[in-house]
Amino acid sequence: LEKAKNLGLAVINHPEALMNATKSKGHEIFREFGLRVPQVEPIDKKSFKKSRSIEFPFLVREDWGHQGRIHLVRSESELDVIDLEAFQRPVAIEFIDVQSALTGRFQKYRYVVAGATGVSLSLHTSKNWLVNGAHNHRSATTIADEKFFLSQDNPFANLFKKVAERLRLDFVAFDYAFDRDGRLVIWEANPFPHLHRPGPPY
């Protein structure tokens, strides 16, 4: 950082701001904008299984980072078998059901902000609650849905730009969905999103 400063180089996503993209801190900032986000509870590896406030079902994930282990926990028996020592900074995250009552599918939208510019990047559809590129269901219908999403002005564009400024992130992707009542649900802010070109059958 000091070398970049001496050379007059800009730093994209300054390290001091990256903490704002953790689940625990990022969700607090989202709530400042009145956005619905899952409840997040830090996990004390020694006491969480005996004393926790979050209700089933919930996810167990790393607070830092946007890949890696993720478990859906629906009961005490499922919680008992999770090795919390395998996590560095585990958090429990409220599971919000966004399964469509019409199609039975789960969808995750992604919008990317880069400075003053924003663009809708992708729409993933899955038969499973875990929605990502690896579980993306491809069909004529889902391809048409994604093409439509990408072709339209994003109604949350200005909101996401304001949130990015509050997060102090120059480059960030917002992953979101809609619950069964049609309410916007923000999953997370990802300062290191995977960028890709659409492949076949596009």
N, C-alpha and C. Protein backbone atom coordinates (compact mmCIF):
# COMPACT_ATOMS: atom_id res chain seq x y z
N LEU A 1 0.82 -1.20 0.00
CA LEU A 1 0.00 0.00 0.00
C LEU A 1 0.86 1.26 0.00
N GLU A 2 1.92 1.24 0.80
CA GLU A 2 2.80 2.41 0.87
C GLU A 2 3.50 2.63 -0.47
N LYS A 3 3.91 1.54 -1.11
CA LYS A 3 4.56 1.66 -2.41
C LYS A 3 3.60 2.21 -3.46
N ALA A 4 2.36 1.72 -3.44
CA ALA A 4 1.36 2.21 -4.38
C ALA A 4 1.09 3.70 -4.16
N LYS A 5 1.04 4.09 -2.89
CA LYS A 5 0.83 5.50 -2.56
C LYS A 5 1.96 6.36 -3.07
N ASN A 6 3.20 5.91 -2.88
CA ASN A 6 4.36 6.67 -3.33
C ASN A 6 4.42 6.80 -4.84
N LEU A 7 3.88 5.80 -5.53
CA LEU A 7 3.86 5.82 -6.99
C LEU A 7 2.64 6.53 -7.55
N GLY A 8 1.77 6.97 -6.65
CA GLY A 8 0.55 7.65 -7.09
C GLY A 8 -0.48 6.73 -7.71
N LEU A 9 -0.44 5.46 -7.31
CA LEU A 9 -1.37 4.47 -7.85
C LEU A 9 -2.59 4.31 -6.96
N ALA A 10 -3.73 4.20 -7.60
CA ALA A 10 -4.97 3.98 -6.84
C ALA A 10 -5.05 2.52 -6.40
N VAL A 11 -5.67 2.28 -5.27
CA VAL A 11 -5.89 0.93 -4.77
C VAL A 11 -7.37 0.62 -4.84
N ILE A 12 -7.71 -0.38 -5.61
CA ILE A 12 -9.12 -0.78 -5.75
C ILE A 12 -9.47 -1.70 -4.58
N ASN A 13 -10.57 -1.37 -3.92
CA ASN A 13 -11.00 -2.10 -2.72
C ASN A 13 -9.90 -2.11 -1.67
N HIS A 14 -9.72 -0.98 -1.05
CA HIS A 14 -8.69 -0.83 -0.03
C HIS A 14 -8.87 -1.89 1.05
N PRO A 15 -7.78 -2.52 1.49
CA PRO A 15 -7.89 -3.59 2.49
C PRO A 15 -8.68 -3.21 3.73
N GLU A 16 -8.60 -1.95 4.14
CA GLU A 16 -9.35 -1.52 5.33
C GLU A 16 -10.85 -1.61 5.13
N ALA A 17 -11.29 -1.55 3.86
CA ALA A 17 -12.73 -1.59 3.57
C ALA A 17 -13.25 -3.00 3.40
N LEU A 18 -12.35 -3.97 3.25
CA LEU A 18 -12.79 -5.34 2.98
C LEU A 18 -13.57 -5.94 4.15
N MET A 19 -13.33 -5.46 5.36
CA MET A 19 -14.11 -5.95 6.50
C MET A 19 -15.60 -5.66 6.33
N ASN A 20 -15.91 -4.63 5.56
CA ASN A 20 -17.31 -4.29 5.33
C ASN A 20 -18.02 -5.33 4.47
N ALA A 21 -17.25 -6.21 3.83
CA ALA A 21 -17.84 -7.25 3.00
C ALA A 21 -17.98 -8.58 3.74
N THR A 22 -17.61 -8.62 5.01
CA THR A 22 -17.86 -9.83 5.78
C THR A 22 -19.36 -9.94 6.05
N LYS A 23 -19.81 -11.14 6.34
CA LYS A 23 -21.25 -11.32 6.59
C LYS A 23 -21.70 -10.51 7.79
N SER A 24 -20.95 -10.57 8.87
CA SER A 24 -21.37 -9.91 10.11
C SER A 24 -21.41 -8.40 9.97
N LYS A 25 -20.39 -7.80 9.37
CA LYS A 25 -20.35 -6.35 9.24
C LYS A 25 -21.20 -5.88 8.07
N GLY A 26 -21.13 -6.57 6.95
CA GLY A 26 -21.88 -6.16 5.76
C GLY A 26 -23.37 -6.13 6.00
N HIS A 27 -23.88 -7.11 6.72
CA HIS A 27 -25.33 -7.16 6.97
C HIS A 27 -25.78 -6.00 7.84
N GLU A 28 -24.93 -5.55 8.74
CA GLU A 28 -25.27 -4.38 9.55
C GLU A 28 -25.42 -3.15 8.66
N ILE A 29 -24.54 -3.01 7.69
CA ILE A 29 -24.58 -1.86 6.78
C ILE A 29 -25.81 -1.95 5.88
N PHE A 30 -26.13 -3.13 5.40
CA PHE A 30 -27.34 -3.28 4.57
C PHE A 30 -28.58 -2.81 5.33
N ARG A 31 -28.64 -3.13 6.61
CA ARG A 31 -29.82 -2.76 7.39
C ARG A 31 -29.95 -1.25 7.54
N GLU A 32 -28.85 -0.52 7.43
CA GLU A 32 -28.93 0.94 7.48
C GLU A 32 -29.78 1.48 6.34
N PHE A 33 -29.88 0.72 5.26
CA PHE A 33 -30.66 1.12 4.10
C PHE A 33 -32.06 0.50 4.11
N GLY A 34 -32.41 -0.13 5.22
CA GLY A 34 -33.73 -0.74 5.34
C GLY A 34 -33.87 -2.03 4.55
N LEU A 35 -32.75 -2.64 4.19
CA LEU A 35 -32.78 -3.85 3.37
C LEU A 35 -32.96 -5.09 4.24
N ARG A 36 -33.64 -6.07 3.67
CA ARG A 36 -33.80 -7.33 4.38
C ARG A 36 -32.59 -8.22 4.12
N VAL A 37 -31.95 -8.62 5.19
CA VAL A 37 -30.80 -9.53 5.12
C VAL A 37 -30.98 -10.60 6.19
N PRO A 38 -30.36 -11.74 6.01
CA PRO A 38 -30.47 -12.79 7.02
C PRO A 38 -29.81 -12.37 8.34
N GLN A 39 -30.35 -12.88 9.42
CA GLN A 39 -29.71 -12.70 10.73
C GLN A 39 -28.37 -13.42 10.72
N VAL A 40 -27.36 -12.82 11.32
CA VAL A 40 -26.04 -13.44 11.40
C VAL A 40 -25.62 -13.52 12.86
N GLU A 41 -25.19 -14.70 13.28
CA GLU A 41 -24.71 -14.88 14.66
C GLU A 41 -23.31 -15.49 14.63
N PRO A 42 -22.32 -14.78 15.18
CA PRO A 42 -20.98 -15.36 15.27
C PRO A 42 -21.01 -16.65 16.08
N ILE A 43 -20.21 -17.61 15.68
CA ILE A 43 -20.19 -18.91 16.36
C ILE A 43 -18.97 -19.04 17.26
N ASP A 44 -19.23 -19.24 18.53
CA ASP A 44 -18.18 -19.62 19.47
C ASP A 44 -18.08 -21.15 19.39
N LYS A 45 -16.95 -21.63 18.90
CA LYS A 45 -16.82 -23.06 18.65
C LYS A 45 -17.05 -23.92 19.88
N LYS A 46 -16.76 -23.38 21.06
CA LYS A 46 -16.88 -24.17 22.28
C LYS A 46 -18.29 -24.20 22.84
N SER A 47 -19.05 -23.12 22.62
CA SER A 47 -20.34 -23.03 23.30
C SER A 47 -21.56 -22.99 22.37
N PHE A 48 -21.35 -22.80 21.07
CA PHE A 48 -22.48 -22.54 20.18
C PHE A 48 -23.51 -23.67 20.18
N LYS A 49 -23.05 -24.90 20.15
CA LYS A 49 -23.98 -26.02 20.06
C LYS A 49 -24.86 -26.16 21.31
N LYS A 50 -24.42 -25.56 22.41
CA LYS A 50 -25.21 -25.63 23.64
C LYS A 50 -26.00 -24.35 23.90
N SER A 51 -25.45 -23.24 23.45
CA SER A 51 -26.12 -21.96 23.72
C SER A 51 -26.07 -21.09 22.47
N ARG A 52 -27.16 -21.00 21.78
CA ARG A 52 -27.27 -20.19 20.56
C ARG A 52 -28.62 -19.50 20.58
N SER A 53 -28.70 -18.39 19.89
CA SER A 53 -29.97 -17.67 19.82
C SER A 53 -30.66 -17.85 18.49
N ILE A 54 -29.93 -18.19 17.44
CA ILE A 54 -30.52 -18.34 16.12
C ILE A 54 -31.35 -19.62 16.05
N GLU A 55 -32.47 -19.55 15.36
CA GLU A 55 -33.37 -20.70 15.26
C GLU A 55 -33.09 -21.50 13.99
N PHE A 56 -33.48 -22.77 14.01
CA PHE A 56 -33.40 -23.60 12.79
C PHE A 56 -34.45 -23.11 11.80
N PRO A 57 -34.18 -23.23 10.51
CA PRO A 57 -32.93 -23.66 9.88
C PRO A 57 -31.97 -22.49 9.72
N PHE A 58 -30.69 -22.80 9.67
CA PHE A 58 -29.69 -21.77 9.42
C PHE A 58 -28.51 -22.40 8.68
N LEU A 59 -27.68 -21.53 8.13
CA LEU A 59 -26.48 -21.96 7.42
C LEU A 59 -25.27 -21.74 8.31
N VAL A 60 -24.29 -22.59 8.16
CA VAL A 60 -22.99 -22.38 8.81
C VAL A 60 -21.98 -22.10 7.70
N ARG A 61 -21.34 -20.93 7.77
CA ARG A 61 -20.40 -20.50 6.74
C ARG A 61 -19.23 -19.78 7.41
N GLU A 62 -18.24 -19.45 6.59
CA GLU A 62 -17.17 -18.57 7.05
C GLU A 62 -17.66 -17.13 7.00
N ASP A 63 -17.29 -16.36 8.00
CA ASP A 63 -17.65 -14.94 8.01
C ASP A 63 -16.89 -14.20 6.91
N TRP A 64 -15.63 -14.56 6.72
CA TRP A 64 -14.80 -13.94 5.69
C TRP A 64 -14.75 -14.86 4.48
N GLY A 65 -14.79 -14.27 3.29
CA GLY A 65 -14.71 -15.08 2.08
C GLY A 65 -16.08 -15.42 1.54
N HIS A 66 -16.10 -15.92 0.31
CA HIS A 66 -17.38 -16.12 -0.37
C HIS A 66 -17.46 -17.47 -1.08
N GLN A 67 -16.60 -18.38 -0.70
CA GLN A 67 -16.68 -19.75 -1.17
C GLN A 67 -16.41 -20.65 0.03
N GLY A 68 -16.04 -21.87 -0.22
CA GLY A 68 -15.70 -22.74 0.90
C GLY A 68 -16.89 -23.48 1.47
N ARG A 69 -16.73 -23.98 2.67
CA ARG A 69 -17.75 -24.82 3.29
C ARG A 69 -19.04 -24.05 3.56
N ILE A 70 -20.15 -24.75 3.35
CA ILE A 70 -21.45 -24.19 3.69
C ILE A 70 -22.38 -25.35 4.03
N HIS A 71 -23.02 -25.27 5.17
CA HIS A 71 -23.92 -26.33 5.63
C HIS A 71 -25.30 -25.75 5.94
N LEU A 72 -26.33 -26.44 5.50
CA LEU A 72 -27.69 -26.12 5.90
C LEU A 72 -28.03 -26.98 7.11
N VAL A 73 -28.37 -26.31 8.22
CA VAL A 73 -28.62 -27.02 9.48
C VAL A 73 -30.10 -26.88 9.84
N ARG A 74 -30.80 -28.01 9.91
CA ARG A 74 -32.24 -27.98 10.16
C ARG A 74 -32.64 -28.61 11.48
N SER A 75 -31.68 -29.19 12.20
CA SER A 75 -32.02 -29.87 13.44
C SER A 75 -30.77 -30.00 14.31
N GLU A 76 -31.00 -30.37 15.56
CA GLU A 76 -29.88 -30.58 16.48
C GLU A 76 -28.96 -31.69 15.98
N SER A 77 -29.56 -32.74 15.42
CA SER A 77 -28.73 -33.86 14.94
C SER A 77 -27.83 -33.43 13.79
N GLU A 78 -28.33 -32.55 12.91
CA GLU A 78 -27.50 -32.05 11.82
C GLU A 78 -26.41 -31.12 12.33
N LEU A 79 -26.72 -30.36 13.36
CA LEU A 79 -25.73 -29.47 13.95
C LEU A 79 -24.62 -30.27 14.63
N ASP A 80 -24.99 -31.38 15.28
CA ASP A 80 -24.02 -32.18 16.03
C ASP A 80 -22.92 -32.74 15.16
N VAL A 81 -23.22 -33.01 13.89
CA VAL A 81 -22.22 -33.67 13.04
C VAL A 81 -21.30 -32.68 12.33
N ILE A 82 -21.55 -31.39 12.48
CA ILE A 82 -20.71 -30.40 11.82
C ILE A 82 -19.44 -30.18 12.63
N ASP A 83 -18.33 -30.24 11.96
CA ASP A 83 -17.03 -30.01 12.60
C ASP A 83 -16.73 -28.52 12.56
N LEU A 84 -17.05 -27.82 13.62
CA LEU A 84 -16.83 -26.37 13.67
C LEU A 84 -15.35 -26.02 13.65
N GLU A 85 -14.50 -26.97 14.05
CA GLU A 85 -13.07 -26.72 14.04
C GLU A 85 -12.52 -26.61 12.62
N ALA A 86 -13.30 -27.05 11.64
CA ALA A 86 -12.88 -26.96 10.25
C ALA A 86 -13.02 -25.54 9.70
N PHE A 87 -13.70 -24.68 10.48
CA PHE A 87 -13.89 -23.29 10.08
C PHE A 87 -12.92 -22.39 10.83
N GLN A 88 -12.55 -21.29 10.19
CA GLN A 88 -11.71 -20.31 10.86
C GLN A 88 -12.54 -19.30 11.64
N ARG A 89 -13.52 -18.71 10.98
CA ARG A 89 -14.39 -17.71 11.62
C ARG A 89 -15.84 -18.03 11.28
N PRO A 90 -16.38 -19.09 11.87
CA PRO A 90 -17.73 -19.51 11.48
C PRO A 90 -18.82 -18.57 11.98
N VAL A 91 -19.86 -18.47 11.17
CA VAL A 91 -21.06 -17.72 11.55
C VAL A 91 -22.28 -18.56 11.19
N ALA A 92 -23.34 -18.36 11.95
CA ALA A 92 -24.63 -18.96 11.63
C ALA A 92 -25.46 -17.90 10.94
N ILE A 93 -26.06 -18.25 9.82
CA ILE A 93 -26.81 -17.30 9.01
C ILE A 93 -28.23 -17.81 8.80
N GLU A 94 -29.18 -17.00 9.13
CA GLU A 94 -30.59 -17.34 8.96
C GLU A 94 -30.86 -17.84 7.54
N PHE A 95 -31.59 -18.95 7.43
CA PHE A 95 -31.98 -19.47 6.12
C PHE A 95 -33.32 -18.86 5.75
N ILE A 96 -33.31 -18.05 4.71
CA ILE A 96 -34.55 -17.44 4.21
C ILE A 96 -34.97 -18.22 2.97
N ASP A 97 -36.16 -18.74 3.00
CA ASP A 97 -36.65 -19.57 1.91
C ASP A 97 -37.06 -18.70 0.72
N VAL A 98 -36.34 -18.84 -0.39
CA VAL A 98 -36.68 -18.08 -1.59
C VAL A 98 -37.12 -19.01 -2.72
N GLN A 99 -37.52 -20.23 -2.36
CA GLN A 99 -37.99 -21.17 -3.37
C GLN A 99 -39.30 -20.66 -3.96
N SER A 100 -39.38 -20.64 -5.27
CA SER A 100 -40.58 -20.15 -5.95
C SER A 100 -41.73 -21.13 -5.75
N ALA A 101 -42.88 -20.61 -5.31
CA ALA A 101 -44.06 -21.45 -5.16
C ALA A 101 -44.59 -21.88 -6.52
N LEU A 102 -44.23 -21.14 -7.56
CA LEU A 102 -44.73 -21.42 -8.91
C LEU A 102 -43.90 -22.48 -9.61
N THR A 103 -42.57 -22.34 -9.55
CA THR A 103 -41.69 -23.25 -10.29
C THR A 103 -40.97 -24.26 -9.41
N GLY A 104 -40.90 -23.99 -8.10
CA GLY A 104 -40.16 -24.86 -7.21
C GLY A 104 -38.66 -24.65 -7.28
N ARG A 105 -38.23 -23.65 -8.05
CA ARG A 105 -36.81 -23.39 -8.23
C ARG A 105 -36.33 -22.25 -7.32
N PHE A 106 -35.02 -22.19 -7.15
CA PHE A 106 -34.38 -21.12 -6.41
C PHE A 106 -33.61 -20.26 -7.41
N GLN A 107 -33.61 -18.94 -7.20
CA GLN A 107 -32.90 -18.05 -8.11
C GLN A 107 -32.04 -17.07 -7.33
N LYS A 108 -30.87 -16.76 -7.91
CA LYS A 108 -29.96 -15.77 -7.33
C LYS A 108 -29.54 -14.79 -8.41
N TYR A 109 -29.76 -13.52 -8.14
CA TYR A 109 -29.41 -12.45 -9.06
C TYR A 109 -28.09 -11.82 -8.62
N ARG A 110 -27.32 -11.35 -9.61
CA ARG A 110 -26.06 -10.67 -9.28
C ARG A 110 -25.96 -9.35 -10.05
N TYR A 111 -25.66 -8.29 -9.30
CA TYR A 111 -25.44 -6.97 -9.88
C TYR A 111 -24.06 -6.50 -9.44
N VAL A 112 -23.26 -5.98 -10.38
CA VAL A 112 -21.90 -5.56 -10.09
C VAL A 112 -21.78 -4.05 -10.20
N VAL A 113 -21.14 -3.45 -9.20
CA VAL A 113 -20.85 -2.02 -9.20
C VAL A 113 -19.34 -1.85 -9.34
N ALA A 114 -18.94 -1.03 -10.32
CA ALA A 114 -17.52 -0.70 -10.52
C ALA A 114 -17.43 0.82 -10.62
N GLY A 115 -17.07 1.44 -9.50
CA GLY A 115 -17.05 2.90 -9.47
C GLY A 115 -18.45 3.46 -9.66
N ALA A 116 -18.60 4.31 -10.66
CA ALA A 116 -19.91 4.92 -10.93
C ALA A 116 -20.75 4.08 -11.89
N THR A 117 -20.19 2.95 -12.32
CA THR A 117 -20.87 2.10 -13.30
C THR A 117 -21.44 0.87 -12.62
N GLY A 118 -22.60 0.42 -13.09
CA GLY A 118 -23.20 -0.79 -12.58
C GLY A 118 -23.79 -1.60 -13.71
N VAL A 119 -23.80 -2.92 -13.54
CA VAL A 119 -24.34 -3.79 -14.59
C VAL A 119 -24.90 -5.07 -13.97
N SER A 120 -26.03 -5.52 -14.50
CA SER A 120 -26.56 -6.82 -14.11
C SER A 120 -25.69 -7.89 -14.73
N LEU A 121 -25.19 -8.81 -13.92
CA LEU A 121 -24.19 -9.77 -14.40
C LEU A 121 -24.76 -11.15 -14.70
N SER A 122 -25.61 -11.66 -13.81
CA SER A 122 -26.06 -13.03 -14.01
C SER A 122 -27.33 -13.32 -13.21
N LEU A 123 -28.02 -14.36 -13.66
CA LEU A 123 -29.16 -14.91 -12.94
C LEU A 123 -29.00 -16.42 -12.95
N HIS A 124 -28.80 -17.00 -11.77
CA HIS A 124 -28.66 -18.44 -11.64
C HIS A 124 -29.94 -19.04 -11.10
N THR A 125 -30.32 -20.17 -11.65
CA THR A 125 -31.51 -20.89 -11.22
C THR A 125 -31.13 -22.30 -10.84
N SER A 126 -31.64 -22.77 -9.71
CA SER A 126 -31.26 -24.10 -9.23
C SER A 126 -32.47 -24.85 -8.69
N LYS A 127 -32.38 -26.17 -8.75
CA LYS A 127 -33.40 -27.01 -8.13
C LYS A 127 -33.10 -27.16 -6.64
N ASN A 128 -31.91 -26.70 -6.24
CA ASN A 128 -31.42 -26.87 -4.88
C ASN A 128 -31.32 -25.52 -4.19
N TRP A 129 -31.36 -25.51 -2.85
CA TRP A 129 -31.25 -24.25 -2.11
C TRP A 129 -29.89 -23.58 -2.32
N LEU A 130 -28.86 -24.38 -2.65
CA LEU A 130 -27.53 -23.83 -2.89
C LEU A 130 -27.46 -23.39 -4.35
N VAL A 131 -27.48 -22.07 -4.56
CA VAL A 131 -27.54 -21.53 -5.91
C VAL A 131 -26.20 -20.90 -6.26
N ASN A 132 -25.49 -21.52 -7.20
CA ASN A 132 -24.24 -20.97 -7.70
C ASN A 132 -23.98 -21.52 -9.10
N GLY A 133 -22.83 -21.19 -9.66
CA GLY A 133 -22.54 -21.63 -11.01
C GLY A 133 -22.53 -23.14 -11.15
N ALA A 134 -22.04 -23.83 -10.13
CA ALA A 134 -21.95 -25.30 -10.20
C ALA A 134 -23.32 -25.95 -10.18
N HIS A 135 -24.32 -25.28 -9.60
CA HIS A 135 -25.66 -25.84 -9.50
C HIS A 135 -26.66 -25.12 -10.40
N ASN A 136 -26.15 -24.40 -11.39
CA ASN A 136 -27.00 -23.61 -12.26
C ASN A 136 -27.75 -24.52 -13.24
N HIS A 137 -29.06 -24.48 -13.17
CA HIS A 137 -29.90 -25.30 -14.05
C HIS A 137 -30.13 -24.58 -15.37
N ARG A 138 -29.76 -25.23 -16.48
CA ARG A 138 -29.87 -24.62 -17.78
C ARG A 138 -31.01 -25.26 -18.57
N SER A 139 -31.92 -24.43 -19.01
CA SER A 139 -33.01 -24.89 -19.88
C SER A 139 -33.43 -23.71 -20.73
N ALA A 140 -34.29 -23.94 -21.68
CA ALA A 140 -34.76 -22.84 -22.52
C ALA A 140 -35.43 -21.76 -21.68
N THR A 141 -36.13 -22.19 -20.64
CA THR A 141 -36.84 -21.23 -19.78
C THR A 141 -35.88 -20.40 -18.95
N THR A 142 -34.90 -21.06 -18.31
CA THR A 142 -33.97 -20.31 -17.45
C THR A 142 -33.05 -19.42 -18.27
N ILE A 143 -32.70 -19.85 -19.48
CA ILE A 143 -31.88 -19.02 -20.35
C ILE A 143 -32.66 -17.78 -20.76
N ALA A 144 -33.93 -17.97 -21.08
CA ALA A 144 -34.78 -16.83 -21.44
C ALA A 144 -34.93 -15.87 -20.26
N ASP A 145 -35.07 -16.43 -19.06
CA ASP A 145 -35.19 -15.59 -17.85
C ASP A 145 -33.93 -14.75 -17.66
N GLU A 146 -32.76 -15.37 -17.84
CA GLU A 146 -31.52 -14.64 -17.64
C GLU A 146 -31.32 -13.58 -18.72
N LYS A 147 -31.64 -13.91 -19.95
CA LYS A 147 -31.52 -12.93 -21.03
C LYS A 147 -32.41 -11.72 -20.76
N PHE A 148 -33.61 -11.98 -20.26
CA PHE A 148 -34.53 -10.88 -19.95
C PHE A 148 -33.96 -10.01 -18.83
N PHE A 149 -33.45 -10.66 -17.78
CA PHE A 149 -32.86 -9.94 -16.66
C PHE A 149 -31.71 -9.05 -17.11
N LEU A 150 -30.84 -9.59 -17.96
CA LEU A 150 -29.68 -8.84 -18.41
C LEU A 150 -30.04 -7.70 -19.37
N SER A 151 -31.17 -7.81 -20.02
CA SER A 151 -31.55 -6.80 -21.02
C SER A 151 -32.29 -5.61 -20.42
N GLN A 152 -32.72 -5.74 -19.17
CA GLN A 152 -33.52 -4.69 -18.54
C GLN A 152 -32.68 -3.80 -17.64
N ASP A 153 -33.13 -2.55 -17.47
CA ASP A 153 -32.50 -1.68 -16.47
C ASP A 153 -32.79 -2.27 -15.09
N ASN A 154 -31.76 -2.35 -14.27
CA ASN A 154 -31.95 -2.93 -12.94
C ASN A 154 -32.62 -1.91 -12.03
N PRO A 155 -33.78 -2.25 -11.44
CA PRO A 155 -34.50 -1.30 -10.60
C PRO A 155 -33.78 -0.92 -9.31
N PHE A 156 -32.74 -1.68 -8.95
CA PHE A 156 -32.00 -1.42 -7.72
C PHE A 156 -30.63 -0.80 -7.98
N ALA A 157 -30.40 -0.36 -9.21
CA ALA A 157 -29.08 0.14 -9.60
C ALA A 157 -28.61 1.27 -8.70
N ASN A 158 -29.43 2.28 -8.51
CA ASN A 158 -29.03 3.43 -7.68
C ASN A 158 -28.82 3.02 -6.23
N LEU A 159 -29.67 2.14 -5.74
CA LEU A 159 -29.53 1.65 -4.37
C LEU A 159 -28.20 0.94 -4.18
N PHE A 160 -27.86 0.04 -5.10
CA PHE A 160 -26.62 -0.71 -4.97
C PHE A 160 -25.41 0.22 -5.04
N LYS A 161 -25.47 1.26 -5.86
CA LYS A 161 -24.35 2.19 -5.94
C LYS A 161 -24.18 2.94 -4.62
N LYS A 162 -25.29 3.30 -3.99
CA LYS A 162 -25.21 3.99 -2.70
C LYS A 162 -24.65 3.06 -1.63
N VAL A 163 -25.07 1.79 -1.66
CA VAL A 163 -24.58 0.83 -0.68
C VAL A 163 -23.08 0.59 -0.89
N ALA A 164 -22.65 0.50 -2.16
CA ALA A 164 -21.23 0.30 -2.45
C ALA A 164 -20.40 1.46 -1.88
N GLU A 165 -20.92 2.66 -2.01
CA GLU A 165 -20.21 3.83 -1.46
C GLU A 165 -20.12 3.72 0.05
N ARG A 166 -21.22 3.29 0.68
CA ARG A 166 -21.21 3.14 2.14
C ARG A 166 -20.25 2.04 2.58
N LEU A 167 -20.14 0.99 1.77
CA LEU A 167 -19.21 -0.10 2.06
C LEU A 167 -17.76 0.31 1.81
N ARG A 168 -17.59 1.43 1.10
CA ARG A 168 -16.27 1.93 0.71
C ARG A 168 -15.56 0.96 -0.22
N LEU A 169 -16.34 0.29 -1.07
CA LEU A 169 -15.79 -0.65 -2.02
C LEU A 169 -15.93 -0.09 -3.43
N ASP A 170 -14.84 -0.13 -4.18
CA ASP A 170 -14.83 0.40 -5.54
C ASP A 170 -15.40 -0.59 -6.54
N PHE A 171 -15.25 -1.87 -6.22
CA PHE A 171 -15.68 -2.95 -7.12
C PHE A 171 -16.32 -4.03 -6.28
N VAL A 172 -17.59 -4.29 -6.50
CA VAL A 172 -18.30 -5.23 -5.63
C VAL A 172 -19.53 -5.78 -6.34
N ALA A 173 -19.82 -7.05 -6.07
CA ALA A 173 -21.02 -7.69 -6.60
C ALA A 173 -22.02 -7.89 -5.48
N PHE A 174 -23.27 -7.63 -5.78
CA PHE A 174 -24.35 -7.86 -4.83
C PHE A 174 -25.17 -9.06 -5.28
N ASP A 175 -25.28 -10.06 -4.40
CA ASP A 175 -26.10 -11.24 -4.67
C ASP A 175 -27.42 -11.08 -3.93
N TYR A 176 -28.51 -11.30 -4.65
CA TYR A 176 -29.81 -11.09 -4.02
C TYR A 176 -30.86 -12.03 -4.61
N ALA A 177 -31.99 -12.06 -3.94
CA ALA A 177 -33.10 -12.91 -4.37
C ALA A 177 -34.40 -12.23 -3.91
N PHE A 178 -35.50 -12.95 -4.07
CA PHE A 178 -36.80 -12.45 -3.61
C PHE A 178 -37.49 -13.56 -2.83
N ASP A 179 -38.03 -13.20 -1.67
CA ASP A 179 -38.70 -14.23 -0.87
C ASP A 179 -40.09 -14.51 -1.44
N ARG A 180 -40.82 -15.37 -0.78
CA ARG A 180 -42.12 -15.80 -1.32
C ARG A 180 -43.17 -14.70 -1.33
N ASP A 181 -42.88 -13.61 -0.62
CA ASP A 181 -43.78 -12.46 -0.64
C ASP A 181 -43.29 -11.39 -1.63
N GLY A 182 -42.25 -11.73 -2.38
CA GLY A 182 -41.74 -10.82 -3.38
C GLY A 182 -40.82 -9.75 -2.83
N ARG A 183 -40.39 -9.88 -1.57
CA ARG A 183 -39.50 -8.89 -0.96
C ARG A 183 -38.05 -9.16 -1.32
N LEU A 184 -37.31 -8.09 -1.56
CA LEU A 184 -35.90 -8.19 -1.88
C LEU A 184 -35.12 -8.70 -0.68
N VAL A 185 -34.26 -9.69 -0.91
CA VAL A 185 -33.38 -10.25 0.12
C VAL A 185 -31.95 -10.14 -0.37
N ILE A 186 -31.10 -9.45 0.37
CA ILE A 186 -29.69 -9.31 0.01
C ILE A 186 -28.90 -10.40 0.71
N TRP A 187 -28.17 -11.20 -0.08
CA TRP A 187 -27.38 -12.26 0.52
C TRP A 187 -26.03 -11.74 1.01
N GLU A 188 -25.31 -11.04 0.12
CA GLU A 188 -23.98 -10.59 0.52
C GLU A 188 -23.41 -9.62 -0.50
N ALA A 189 -22.33 -8.95 -0.09
CA ALA A 189 -21.53 -8.13 -0.99
C ALA A 189 -20.21 -8.86 -1.20
N ASN A 190 -19.87 -9.09 -2.45
CA ASN A 190 -18.66 -9.86 -2.77
C ASN A 190 -17.66 -8.95 -3.48
N PRO A 191 -16.53 -8.62 -2.83
CA PRO A 191 -15.55 -7.73 -3.45
C PRO A 191 -14.61 -8.44 -4.41
N PHE A 192 -14.75 -9.76 -4.56
CA PHE A 192 -13.92 -10.53 -5.49
C PHE A 192 -14.80 -11.45 -6.33
N PRO A 193 -15.76 -10.90 -7.04
CA PRO A 193 -16.70 -11.76 -7.78
C PRO A 193 -16.04 -12.42 -9.00
N HIS A 194 -16.52 -13.59 -9.30
CA HIS A 194 -16.09 -14.29 -10.51
C HIS A 194 -16.78 -13.64 -11.71
N LEU A 195 -15.98 -13.22 -12.68
CA LEU A 195 -16.52 -12.64 -13.90
C LEU A 195 -16.35 -13.65 -15.05
N HIS A 196 -17.36 -13.75 -15.87
CA HIS A 196 -17.31 -14.73 -16.94
C HIS A 196 -18.09 -14.23 -18.15
N ARG A 197 -17.73 -14.75 -19.28
CA ARG A 197 -18.51 -14.51 -20.48
C ARG A 197 -19.56 -15.60 -20.60
N PRO A 198 -20.78 -15.23 -21.01
CA PRO A 198 -21.80 -16.26 -21.20
C PRO A 198 -21.33 -17.29 -22.21
N GLY A 199 -21.55 -18.56 -21.88
CA GLY A 199 -21.15 -19.63 -22.80
C GLY A 199 -22.36 -20.28 -23.44
N PRO A 200 -22.15 -21.36 -24.18
CA PRO A 200 -23.25 -22.07 -24.82
C PRO A 200 -24.31 -22.42 -23.80
N PRO A 201 -25.59 -22.35 -24.13
CA PRO A 201 -26.14 -22.13 -25.46
C PRO A 201 -26.39 -20.67 -25.83
N TYR A 202 -25.70 -19.69 -25.18
CA TYR A 202 -25.90 -18.30 -25.56
C TYR A 202 -25.31 -18.06 -26.94
